[in-house]
Amino acid sequence: MSTLSRNVRVTREEIAHLARLSRLAVTDEELDLYAGQLSAVLDAVAQVQQAPVADVPPTTHAVPMTNVMRPDVTRPSLPRDVVLAGAPAAEDDRFRVPRILGEEE
């Protein structure tokens, strides 16, 4: 891998323009700070782009993914009257919830 010269520089004017587009208020000191920080990020991205990846197949994850599932086993649950006893409102052996979207009965 070749050595990358660090020449990606973001100007104060570019940062000020980005701040205006983003509707962010930044001070003069922040313009200098953010210009340096963004330049460093762009330098790092440029360096990563130089990595020899021609022989690396595209992947969606860095490590193989395996689903770990437990067997689906039926188990007894709480009785309906016990569950509904803790509900704020119940009606016809069901939870009563507010109507949504103007549905008709």
PDB file of N, CA and C in Angstrom:
ATOM      1  N   MET A   1       0.852  -1.166   0.000  1.00  0.00           N
ATOM      2  CA  MET A   1       0.000   0.000   0.000  1.00  0.00           C
ATOM      3  C   MET A   1       0.898   1.228   0.000  1.00  0.00           C
ATOM      4  N   SER A   2       0.571   2.161  -0.871  1.00  0.00           N
ATOM      5  CA  SER A   2       1.380   3.374  -0.954  1.00  0.00           C
ATOM      6  C   SER A   2       1.046   4.318   0.186  1.00  0.00           C
ATOM      7  N   THR A   3       2.027   5.151   0.514  1.00  0.00           N
ATOM      8  CA  THR A   3       1.805   6.144   1.561  1.00  0.00           C
ATOM      9  C   THR A   3       0.958   7.266   0.987  1.00  0.00           C
ATOM     10  N   LEU A   4      -0.091   7.600   1.661  1.00  0.00           N
ATOM     11  CA  LEU A   4      -1.009   8.631   1.197  1.00  0.00           C
ATOM     12  C   LEU A   4      -0.568   9.979   1.734  1.00  0.00           C
ATOM     13  N   SER A   5      -0.413  10.942   0.838  1.00  0.00           N
ATOM     14  CA  SER A   5      -0.095  12.285   1.324  1.00  0.00           C
ATOM     15  C   SER A   5      -1.379  12.913   1.841  1.00  0.00           C
ATOM     16  N   ARG A   6      -1.280  13.539   2.974  1.00  0.00           N
ATOM     17  CA  ARG A   6      -2.462  14.142   3.595  1.00  0.00           C
ATOM     18  C   ARG A   6      -2.659  15.536   3.024  1.00  0.00           C
ATOM     19  N   ASN A   7      -3.505  15.612   2.006  1.00  0.00           N
ATOM     20  CA  ASN A   7      -3.732  16.895   1.370  1.00  0.00           C
ATOM     21  C   ASN A   7      -5.210  17.254   1.292  1.00  0.00           C
ATOM     22  N   VAL A   8      -6.051  16.510   1.986  1.00  0.00           N
ATOM     23  CA  VAL A   8      -7.474  16.828   2.008  1.00  0.00           C
ATOM     24  C   VAL A   8      -7.663  17.922   3.047  1.00  0.00           C
ATOM     25  N   ARG A   9      -7.980  19.111   2.593  1.00  0.00           N
ATOM     26  CA  ARG A   9      -8.158  20.236   3.507  1.00  0.00           C
ATOM     27  C   ARG A   9      -9.514  20.874   3.273  1.00  0.00           C
ATOM     28  N   VAL A  10     -10.192  21.117   4.348  1.00  0.00           N
ATOM     29  CA  VAL A  10     -11.492  21.791   4.301  1.00  0.00           C
ATOM     30  C   VAL A  10     -11.268  23.207   4.815  1.00  0.00           C
ATOM     31  N   THR A  11     -11.796  24.171   4.096  1.00  0.00           N
ATOM     32  CA  THR A  11     -11.583  25.571   4.477  1.00  0.00           C
ATOM     33  C   THR A  11     -12.656  26.049   5.447  1.00  0.00           C
ATOM     34  N   ARG A  12     -12.347  27.145   6.117  1.00  0.00           N
ATOM     35  CA  ARG A  12     -13.330  27.781   7.015  1.00  0.00           C
ATOM     36  C   ARG A  12     -14.585  28.157   6.234  1.00  0.00           C
ATOM     37  N   GLU A  13     -14.386  28.617   5.004  1.00  0.00           N
ATOM     38  CA  GLU A  13     -15.533  29.030   4.184  1.00  0.00           C
ATOM     39  C   GLU A  13     -16.444  27.833   3.881  1.00  0.00           C
ATOM     40  N   GLU A  14     -15.852  26.669   3.624  1.00  0.00           N
ATOM     41  CA  GLU A  14     -16.651  25.467   3.365  1.00  0.00           C
ATOM     42  C   GLU A  14     -17.426  25.054   4.622  1.00  0.00           C
ATOM     43  N   ILE A  15     -16.768  25.139   5.768  1.00  0.00           N
ATOM     44  CA  ILE A  15     -17.457  24.810   7.026  1.00  0.00           C
ATOM     45  C   ILE A  15     -18.581  25.801   7.279  1.00  0.00           C
ATOM     46  N   ALA A  16     -18.330  27.093   7.039  1.00  0.00           N
ATOM     47  CA  ALA A  16     -19.372  28.112   7.223  1.00  0.00           C
ATOM     48  C   ALA A  16     -20.545  27.836   6.291  1.00  0.00           C
ATOM     49  N   HIS A  17     -20.255  27.424   5.054  1.00  0.00           N
ATOM     50  CA  HIS A  17     -21.321  27.103   4.100  1.00  0.00           C
ATOM     51  C   HIS A  17     -22.137  25.896   4.579  1.00  0.00           C
ATOM     52  N   LEU A  18     -21.452  24.853   5.037  1.00  0.00           N
ATOM     53  CA  LEU A  18     -22.151  23.674   5.571  1.00  0.00           C
ATOM     54  C   LEU A  18     -22.999  24.048   6.781  1.00  0.00           C
ATOM     55  N   ALA A  19     -22.472  24.910   7.629  1.00  0.00           N
ATOM     56  CA  ALA A  19     -23.218  25.345   8.815  1.00  0.00           C
ATOM     57  C   ALA A  19     -24.478  26.102   8.408  1.00  0.00           C
ATOM     58  N   ARG A  20     -24.348  26.972   7.408  1.00  0.00           N
ATOM     59  CA  ARG A  20     -25.542  27.704   6.931  1.00  0.00           C
ATOM     60  C   ARG A  20     -26.577  26.744   6.363  1.00  0.00           C
ATOM     61  N   LEU A  21     -26.132  25.786   5.560  1.00  0.00           N
ATOM     62  CA  LEU A  21     -27.056  24.810   4.981  1.00  0.00           C
ATOM     63  C   LEU A  21     -27.760  23.993   6.067  1.00  0.00           C
ATOM     64  N   SER A  22     -27.026  23.720   7.136  1.00  0.00           N
ATOM     65  CA  SER A  22     -27.574  22.925   8.238  1.00  0.00           C
ATOM     66  C   SER A  22     -28.280  23.776   9.277  1.00  0.00           C
ATOM     67  N   ARG A  23     -28.286  25.075   9.049  1.00  0.00           N
ATOM     68  CA  ARG A  23     -28.891  26.030   9.986  1.00  0.00           C
ATOM     69  C   ARG A  23     -28.278  25.908  11.380  1.00  0.00           C
ATOM     70  N   LEU A  24     -26.941  25.825  11.414  1.00  0.00           N
ATOM     71  CA  LEU A  24     -26.209  25.749  12.663  1.00  0.00           C
ATOM     72  C   LEU A  24     -25.451  27.054  12.878  1.00  0.00           C
ATOM     73  N   ALA A  25     -25.501  27.558  14.083  1.00  0.00           N
ATOM     74  CA  ALA A  25     -24.724  28.739  14.427  1.00  0.00           C
ATOM     75  C   ALA A  25     -23.373  28.282  14.957  1.00  0.00           C
ATOM     76  N   VAL A  26     -22.296  28.719  14.307  1.00  0.00           N
ATOM     77  CA  VAL A  26     -20.958  28.347  14.756  1.00  0.00           C
ATOM     78  C   VAL A  26     -20.123  29.613  14.925  1.00  0.00           C
ATOM     79  N   THR A  27     -19.234  29.571  15.898  1.00  0.00           N
ATOM     80  CA  THR A  27     -18.349  30.703  16.160  1.00  0.00           C
ATOM     81  C   THR A  27     -17.116  30.610  15.259  1.00  0.00           C
ATOM     82  N   ASP A  28     -16.322  31.685  15.232  1.00  0.00           N
ATOM     83  CA  ASP A  28     -15.082  31.672  14.455  1.00  0.00           C
ATOM     84  C   ASP A  28     -14.136  30.581  14.947  1.00  0.00           C
ATOM     85  N   GLU A  29     -14.080  30.395  16.265  1.00  0.00           N
ATOM     86  CA  GLU A  29     -13.214  29.349  16.813  1.00  0.00           C
ATOM     87  C   GLU A  29     -13.691  27.969  16.369  1.00  0.00           C
ATOM     88  N   GLU A  30     -15.017  27.769  16.336  1.00  0.00           N
ATOM     89  CA  GLU A  30     -15.560  26.482  15.913  1.00  0.00           C
ATOM     90  C   GLU A  30     -15.292  26.232  14.431  1.00  0.00           C
ATOM     91  N   LEU A  31     -15.299  27.292  13.617  1.00  0.00           N
ATOM     92  CA  LEU A  31     -14.986  27.116  12.194  1.00  0.00           C
ATOM     93  C   LEU A  31     -13.596  26.517  12.028  1.00  0.00           C
ATOM     94  N   ASP A  32     -12.627  27.047  12.771  1.00  0.00           N
ATOM     95  CA  ASP A  32     -11.274  26.509  12.698  1.00  0.00           C
ATOM     96  C   ASP A  32     -11.217  25.077  13.224  1.00  0.00           C
ATOM     97  N   LEU A  33     -11.864  24.833  14.356  1.00  0.00           N
ATOM     98  CA  LEU A  33     -11.870  23.506  14.956  1.00  0.00           C
ATOM     99  C   LEU A  33     -12.501  22.486  14.019  1.00  0.00           C
ATOM    100  N   TYR A  34     -13.692  22.797  13.489  1.00  0.00           N
ATOM    101  CA  TYR A  34     -14.399  21.848  12.628  1.00  0.00           C
ATOM    102  C   TYR A  34     -13.682  21.639  11.298  1.00  0.00           C
ATOM    103  N   ALA A  35     -13.048  22.678  10.770  1.00  0.00           N
ATOM    104  CA  ALA A  35     -12.291  22.520   9.525  1.00  0.00           C
ATOM    105  C   ALA A  35     -11.163  21.513   9.734  1.00  0.00           C
ATOM    106  N   GLY A  36     -10.461  21.628  10.851  1.00  0.00           N
ATOM    107  CA  GLY A  36      -9.390  20.675  11.141  1.00  0.00           C
ATOM    108  C   GLY A  36      -9.908  19.269  11.362  1.00  0.00           C
ATOM    109  N   GLN A  37     -11.001  19.153  12.110  1.00  0.00           N
ATOM    110  CA  GLN A  37     -11.557  17.832  12.393  1.00  0.00           C
ATOM    111  C   GLN A  37     -12.074  17.161  11.124  1.00  0.00           C
ATOM    112  N   LEU A  38     -12.801  17.909  10.300  1.00  0.00           N
ATOM    113  CA  LEU A  38     -13.340  17.323   9.075  1.00  0.00           C
ATOM    114  C   LEU A  38     -12.216  16.959   8.114  1.00  0.00           C
ATOM    115  N   SER A  39     -11.170  17.766   8.064  1.00  0.00           N
ATOM    116  CA  SER A  39     -10.011  17.423   7.235  1.00  0.00           C
ATOM    117  C   SER A  39      -9.393  16.108   7.695  1.00  0.00           C
ATOM    118  N   ALA A  40      -9.281  15.915   9.001  1.00  0.00           N
ATOM    119  CA  ALA A  40      -8.717  14.671   9.537  1.00  0.00           C
ATOM    120  C   ALA A  40      -9.598  13.474   9.180  1.00  0.00           C
ATOM    121  N   VAL A  41     -10.907  13.644   9.237  1.00  0.00           N
ATOM    122  CA  VAL A  41     -11.820  12.553   8.875  1.00  0.00           C
ATOM    123  C   VAL A  41     -11.669  12.218   7.395  1.00  0.00           C
ATOM    124  N   LEU A  42     -11.637  13.237   6.553  1.00  0.00           N
ATOM    125  CA  LEU A  42     -11.495  12.996   5.113  1.00  0.00           C
ATOM    126  C   LEU A  42     -10.151  12.364   4.788  1.00  0.00           C
ATOM    127  N   ASP A  43      -9.093  12.747   5.501  1.00  0.00           N
ATOM    128  CA  ASP A  43      -7.787  12.098   5.332  1.00  0.00           C
ATOM    129  C   ASP A  43      -7.876  10.613   5.674  1.00  0.00           C
ATOM    130  N   ALA A  44      -8.565  10.290   6.756  1.00  0.00           N
ATOM    131  CA  ALA A  44      -8.706   8.889   7.169  1.00  0.00           C
ATOM    132  C   ALA A  44      -9.500   8.094   6.132  1.00  0.00           C
ATOM    133  N   VAL A  45     -10.540   8.689   5.604  1.00  0.00           N
ATOM    134  CA  VAL A  45     -11.337   8.013   4.569  1.00  0.00           C
ATOM    135  C   VAL A  45     -10.484   7.792   3.323  1.00  0.00           C
ATOM    136  N   ALA A  46      -9.712   8.794   2.939  1.00  0.00           N
ATOM    137  CA  ALA A  46      -8.841   8.651   1.773  1.00  0.00           C
ATOM    138  C   ALA A  46      -7.817   7.543   1.998  1.00  0.00           C
ATOM    139  N   GLN A  47      -7.329   7.422   3.205  1.00  0.00           N
ATOM    140  CA  GLN A  47      -6.359   6.371   3.519  1.00  0.00           C
ATOM    141  C   GLN A  47      -7.015   4.995   3.428  1.00  0.00           C
ATOM    142  N   VAL A  48      -8.220   4.865   3.929  1.00  0.00           N
ATOM    143  CA  VAL A  48      -8.933   3.576   3.856  1.00  0.00           C
ATOM    144  C   VAL A  48      -9.212   3.206   2.406  1.00  0.00           C
ATOM    145  N   GLN A  49      -9.486   4.205   1.581  1.00  0.00           N
ATOM    146  CA  GLN A  49      -9.764   3.925   0.170  1.00  0.00           C
ATOM    147  C   GLN A  49      -8.548   3.359  -0.556  1.00  0.00           C
ATOM    148  N   GLN A  50      -7.357   3.505   0.012  1.00  0.00           N
ATOM    149  CA  GLN A  50      -6.141   2.979  -0.594  1.00  0.00           C
ATOM    150  C   GLN A  50      -5.897   1.507  -0.243  1.00  0.00           C
ATOM    151  N   ALA A  51      -6.714   0.916   0.617  1.00  0.00           N
ATOM    152  CA  ALA A  51      -6.519  -0.473   1.037  1.00  0.00           C
ATOM    153  C   ALA A  51      -6.660  -1.408  -0.161  1.00  0.00           C
ATOM    154  N   PRO A  52      -5.793  -2.441  -0.263  1.00  0.00           N
ATOM    155  CA  PRO A  52      -5.879  -3.392  -1.371  1.00  0.00           C
ATOM    156  C   PRO A  52      -7.039  -4.371  -1.138  1.00  0.00           C
ATOM    157  N   VAL A  53      -8.152  -4.135  -1.769  1.00  0.00           N
ATOM    158  CA  VAL A  53      -9.344  -4.951  -1.527  1.00  0.00           C
ATOM    159  C   VAL A  53      -9.830  -5.677  -2.778  1.00  0.00           C
ATOM    160  N   ALA A  54      -9.020  -5.725  -3.814  1.00  0.00           N
ATOM    161  CA  ALA A  54      -9.445  -6.356  -5.061  1.00  0.00           C
ATOM    162  C   ALA A  54      -9.819  -7.823  -4.866  1.00  0.00           C
ATOM    163  N   ASP A  55      -9.127  -8.523  -3.958  1.00  0.00           N
ATOM    164  CA  ASP A  55      -9.377  -9.951  -3.750  1.00  0.00           C
ATOM    165  C   ASP A  55     -10.315 -10.222  -2.582  1.00  0.00           C
ATOM    166  N   VAL A  56     -10.941  -9.186  -2.030  1.00  0.00           N
ATOM    167  CA  VAL A  56     -11.830  -9.355  -0.878  1.00  0.00           C
ATOM    168  C   VAL A  56     -13.270  -9.386  -1.377  1.00  0.00           C
ATOM    169  N   PRO A  57     -13.979 -10.505  -1.142  1.00  0.00           N
ATOM    170  CA  PRO A  57     -15.372 -10.564  -1.612  1.00  0.00           C
ATOM    171  C   PRO A  57     -16.270  -9.638  -0.788  1.00  0.00           C
ATOM    172  N   PRO A  58     -17.291  -9.070  -1.422  1.00  0.00           N
ATOM    173  CA  PRO A  58     -18.217  -8.211  -0.669  1.00  0.00           C
ATOM    174  C   PRO A  58     -18.965  -9.024   0.382  1.00  0.00           C
ATOM    175  N   THR A  59     -19.183  -8.424   1.539  1.00  0.00           N
ATOM    176  CA  THR A  59     -19.910  -9.084   2.616  1.00  0.00           C
ATOM    177  C   THR A  59     -20.873  -8.101   3.263  1.00  0.00           C
ATOM    178  N   THR A  60     -21.834  -8.643   3.985  1.00  0.00           N
ATOM    179  CA  THR A  60     -22.747  -7.783   4.735  1.00  0.00           C
ATOM    180  C   THR A  60     -22.349  -7.697   6.194  1.00  0.00           C
ATOM    181  N   HIS A  61     -21.531  -8.660   6.656  1.00  0.00           N
ATOM    182  CA  HIS A  61     -21.076  -8.676   8.048  1.00  0.00           C
ATOM    183  C   HIS A  61     -19.610  -9.075   8.081  1.00  0.00           C
ATOM    184  N   ALA A  62     -18.888  -8.581   9.067  1.00  0.00           N
ATOM    185  CA  ALA A  62     -17.468  -8.898   9.179  1.00  0.00           C
ATOM    186  C   ALA A  62     -17.222 -10.345   9.592  1.00  0.00           C
ATOM    187  N   VAL A  63     -18.173 -10.928  10.298  1.00  0.00           N
ATOM    188  CA  VAL A  63     -18.058 -12.321  10.725  1.00  0.00           C
ATOM    189  C   VAL A  63     -19.312 -13.057  10.265  1.00  0.00           C
ATOM    190  N   PRO A  64     -19.213 -14.372  10.068  1.00  0.00           N
ATOM    191  CA  PRO A  64     -20.404 -15.117   9.646  1.00  0.00           C
ATOM    192  C   PRO A  64     -21.524 -14.991  10.671  1.00  0.00           C
ATOM    193  N   MET A  65     -22.742 -14.868  10.178  1.00  0.00           N
ATOM    194  CA  MET A  65     -23.907 -14.740  11.050  1.00  0.00           C
ATOM    195  C   MET A  65     -24.614 -16.088  11.139  1.00  0.00           C
ATOM    196  N   THR A  66     -24.975 -16.470  12.354  1.00  0.00           N
ATOM    197  CA  THR A  66     -25.711 -17.706  12.583  1.00  0.00           C
ATOM    198  C   THR A  66     -26.887 -17.395  13.490  1.00  0.00           C
ATOM    199  N   ASN A  67     -28.073 -17.796  13.069  1.00  0.00           N
ATOM    200  CA  ASN A  67     -29.242 -17.614  13.928  1.00  0.00           C
ATOM    201  C   ASN A  67     -29.231 -18.671  15.019  1.00  0.00           C
ATOM    202  N   VAL A  68     -29.394 -18.228  16.227  1.00  0.00           N
ATOM    203  CA  VAL A  68     -29.483 -19.144  17.359  1.00  0.00           C
ATOM    204  C   VAL A  68     -30.912 -19.066  17.859  1.00  0.00           C
ATOM    205  N   MET A  69     -31.639 -20.171  17.689  1.00  0.00           N
ATOM    206  CA  MET A  69     -33.047 -20.175  18.076  1.00  0.00           C
ATOM    207  C   MET A  69     -33.302 -21.336  19.018  1.00  0.00           C
ATOM    208  N   ARG A  70     -34.146 -21.076  19.965  1.00  0.00           N
ATOM    209  CA  ARG A  70     -34.534 -22.151  20.864  1.00  0.00           C
ATOM    210  C   ARG A  70     -35.736 -22.871  20.254  1.00  0.00           C
ATOM    211  N   PRO A  71     -35.945 -24.093  20.645  1.00  0.00           N
ATOM    212  CA  PRO A  71     -37.125 -24.797  20.134  1.00  0.00           C
ATOM    213  C   PRO A  71     -38.408 -24.098  20.599  1.00  0.00           C
ATOM    214  N   ASP A  72     -39.403 -24.092  19.758  1.00  0.00           N
ATOM    215  CA  ASP A  72     -40.683 -23.488  20.093  1.00  0.00           C
ATOM    216  C   ASP A  72     -41.493 -24.515  20.882  1.00  0.00           C
ATOM    217  N   VAL A  73     -41.617 -24.260  22.181  1.00  0.00           N
ATOM    218  CA  VAL A  73     -42.298 -25.188  23.063  1.00  0.00           C
ATOM    219  C   VAL A  73     -43.509 -24.493  23.675  1.00  0.00           C
ATOM    220  N   THR A  74     -44.644 -25.151  23.593  1.00  0.00           N
ATOM    221  CA  THR A  74     -45.856 -24.603  24.186  1.00  0.00           C
ATOM    222  C   THR A  74     -45.786 -24.745  25.694  1.00  0.00           C
ATOM    223  N   ARG A  75     -46.108 -23.644  26.401  1.00  0.00           N
ATOM    224  CA  ARG A  75     -46.114 -23.660  27.865  1.00  0.00           C
ATOM    225  C   ARG A  75     -47.408 -23.024  28.340  1.00  0.00           C
ATOM    226  N   PRO A  76     -47.862 -23.391  29.523  1.00  0.00           N
ATOM    227  CA  PRO A  76     -49.072 -22.762  30.044  1.00  0.00           C
ATOM    228  C   PRO A  76     -48.794 -21.290  30.359  1.00  0.00           C
ATOM    229  N   SER A  77     -49.810 -20.466  30.171  1.00  0.00           N
ATOM    230  CA  SER A  77     -49.664 -19.049  30.480  1.00  0.00           C
ATOM    231  C   SER A  77     -50.597 -18.693  31.638  1.00  0.00           C
ATOM    232  N   LEU A  78     -50.600 -17.422  31.992  1.00  0.00           N
ATOM    233  CA  LEU A  78     -51.479 -16.984  33.076  1.00  0.00           C
ATOM    234  C   LEU A  78     -52.937 -17.112  32.658  1.00  0.00           C
ATOM    235  N   PRO A  79     -53.810 -17.382  33.609  1.00  0.00           N
ATOM    236  CA  PRO A  79     -55.237 -17.415  33.281  1.00  0.00           C
ATOM    237  C   PRO A  79     -55.719 -16.024  32.853  1.00  0.00           C
ATOM    238  N   ARG A  80     -56.686 -15.980  31.967  1.00  0.00           N
ATOM    239  CA  ARG A  80     -57.190 -14.735  31.413  1.00  0.00           C
ATOM    240  C   ARG A  80     -57.668 -13.773  32.502  1.00  0.00           C
ATOM    241  N   ASP A  81     -58.370 -14.274  33.515  1.00  0.00           N
ATOM    242  CA  ASP A  81     -58.887 -13.375  34.552  1.00  0.00           C
ATOM    243  C   ASP A  81     -57.762 -12.731  35.357  1.00  0.00           C
ATOM    244  N   VAL A  82     -56.644 -13.441  35.537  1.00  0.00           N
ATOM    245  CA  VAL A  82     -55.503 -12.873  36.257  1.00  0.00           C
ATOM    246  C   VAL A  82     -54.859 -11.764  35.428  1.00  0.00           C
ATOM    247  N   VAL A  83     -54.711 -12.014  34.133  1.00  0.00           N
ATOM    248  CA  VAL A  83     -54.109 -11.019  33.249  1.00  0.00           C
ATOM    249  C   VAL A  83     -54.994  -9.784  33.175  1.00  0.00           C
ATOM    250  N   LEU A  84     -56.281  -9.960  32.970  1.00  0.00           N
ATOM    251  CA  LEU A  84     -57.190  -8.825  32.838  1.00  0.00           C
ATOM    252  C   LEU A  84     -57.360  -8.069  34.152  1.00  0.00           C
ATOM    253  N   ALA A  85     -57.097  -8.708  35.284  1.00  0.00           N
ATOM    254  CA  ALA A  85     -57.206  -8.035  36.577  1.00  0.00           C
ATOM    255  C   ALA A  85     -56.173  -6.911  36.695  1.00  0.00           C
ATOM    256  N   GLY A  86     -55.066  -7.032  35.991  1.00  0.00           N
ATOM    257  CA  GLY A  86     -54.038  -5.993  36.031  1.00  0.00           C
ATOM    258  C   GLY A  86     -54.203  -4.934  34.961  1.00  0.00           C
ATOM    259  N   ALA A  87     -55.208  -5.079  34.107  1.00  0.00           N
ATOM    260  CA  ALA A  87     -55.414  -4.119  33.019  1.00  0.00           C
ATOM    261  C   ALA A  87     -56.147  -2.881  33.518  1.00  0.00           C
ATOM    262  N   PRO A  88     -55.848  -1.706  32.957  1.00  0.00           N
ATOM    263  CA  PRO A  88     -56.569  -0.498  33.347  1.00  0.00           C
ATOM    264  C   PRO A  88     -58.056  -0.587  32.997  1.00  0.00           C
ATOM    265  N   ALA A  89     -58.372  -1.285  31.893  1.00  0.00           N
ATOM    266  CA  ALA A  89     -59.779  -1.447  31.486  1.00  0.00           C
ATOM    267  C   ALA A  89     -59.918  -2.750  30.710  1.00  0.00           C
ATOM    268  N   ALA A  90     -61.012  -3.456  30.964  1.00  0.00           N
ATOM    269  CA  ALA A  90     -61.296  -4.709  30.260  1.00  0.00           C
ATOM    270  C   ALA A  90     -62.767  -4.731  29.882  1.00  0.00           C
ATOM    271  N   GLU A  91     -63.054  -5.436  28.777  1.00  0.00           N
ATOM    272  CA  GLU A  91     -64.434  -5.558  28.312  1.00  0.00           C
ATOM    273  C   GLU A  91     -64.549  -6.833  27.486  1.00  0.00           C
ATOM    274  N   ASP A  92     -65.565  -7.638  27.739  1.00  0.00           N
ATOM    275  CA  ASP A  92     -65.797  -8.887  27.010  1.00  0.00           C
ATOM    276  C   ASP A  92     -64.557  -9.788  27.003  1.00  0.00           C
ATOM    277  N   ASP A  93     -63.929  -9.937  28.182  1.00  0.00           N
ATOM    278  CA  ASP A  93     -62.746 -10.776  28.338  1.00  0.00           C
ATOM    279  C   ASP A  93     -61.574 -10.339  27.452  1.00  0.00           C
ATOM    280  N   ARG A  94     -61.474  -9.032  27.165  1.00  0.00           N
ATOM    281  CA  ARG A  94     -60.373  -8.483  26.373  1.00  0.00           C
ATOM    282  C   ARG A  94     -59.905  -7.177  27.002  1.00  0.00           C
ATOM    283  N   PHE A  95     -58.695  -6.764  26.624  1.00  0.00           N
ATOM    284  CA  PHE A  95     -58.230  -5.448  27.036  1.00  0.00           C
ATOM    285  C   PHE A  95     -59.050  -4.399  26.307  1.00  0.00           C
ATOM    286  N   ARG A  96     -59.465  -3.362  27.029  1.00  0.00           N
ATOM    287  CA  ARG A  96     -60.170  -2.250  26.387  1.00  0.00           C
ATOM    288  C   ARG A  96     -59.138  -1.158  26.127  1.00  0.00           C
ATOM    289  N   VAL A  97     -59.047  -0.741  24.876  1.00  0.00           N
ATOM    290  CA  VAL A  97     -58.085   0.287  24.482  1.00  0.00           C
ATOM    291  C   VAL A  97     -58.824   1.394  23.746  1.00  0.00           C
ATOM    292  N   PRO A  98     -58.248   2.582  23.682  1.00  0.00           N
ATOM    293  CA  PRO A  98     -58.914   3.666  22.957  1.00  0.00           C
ATOM    294  C   PRO A  98     -59.068   3.341  21.473  1.00  0.00           C
ATOM    295  N   ARG A  99     -60.142   3.807  20.906  1.00  0.00           N
ATOM    296  CA  ARG A  99     -60.415   3.614  19.478  1.00  0.00           C
ATOM    297  C   ARG A  99     -59.402   4.444  18.674  1.00  0.00           C
ATOM    298  N   ILE A 100     -58.943   3.898  17.561  1.00  0.00           N
ATOM    299  CA  ILE A 100     -58.017   4.629  16.709  1.00  0.00           C
ATOM    300  C   ILE A 100     -58.535   4.670  15.278  1.00  0.00           C
ATOM    301  N   LEU A 101     -58.128   5.664  14.558  1.00  0.00           N
ATOM    302  CA  LEU A 101     -58.425   5.815  13.137  1.00  0.00           C
ATOM    303  C   LEU A 101     -59.915   5.852  12.838  1.00  0.00           C
ATOM    304  N   GLY A 102     -60.742   6.218  13.784  1.00  0.00           N
ATOM    305  CA  GLY A 102     -62.170   6.366  13.544  1.00  0.00           C
ATOM    306  C   GLY A 102     -62.849   5.099  13.077  1.00  0.00           C
ATOM    307  N   GLU A 103     -62.389   3.953  13.552  1.00  0.00           N
ATOM    308  CA  GLU A 103     -62.986   2.680  13.151  1.00  0.00           C
ATOM    309  C   GLU A 103     -64.409   2.562  13.682  1.00  0.00           C
ATOM    310  N   GLU A 104     -65.248   1.906  12.914  1.00  0.00           N
ATOM    311  CA  GLU A 104     -66.633   1.662  13.311  1.00  0.00           C
ATOM    312  C   GLU A 104     -66.700   0.360  14.091  1.00  0.00           C
ATOM    313  N   GLU A 105     -67.705   0.257  14.961  1.00  0.00           N
ATOM    314  CA  GLU A 105     -67.895  -0.987  15.712  1.00  0.00           C
ATOM    315  C   GLU A 105     -68.565  -2.018  14.864  1.00  0.00           C
TER     316      GLU A 105
END
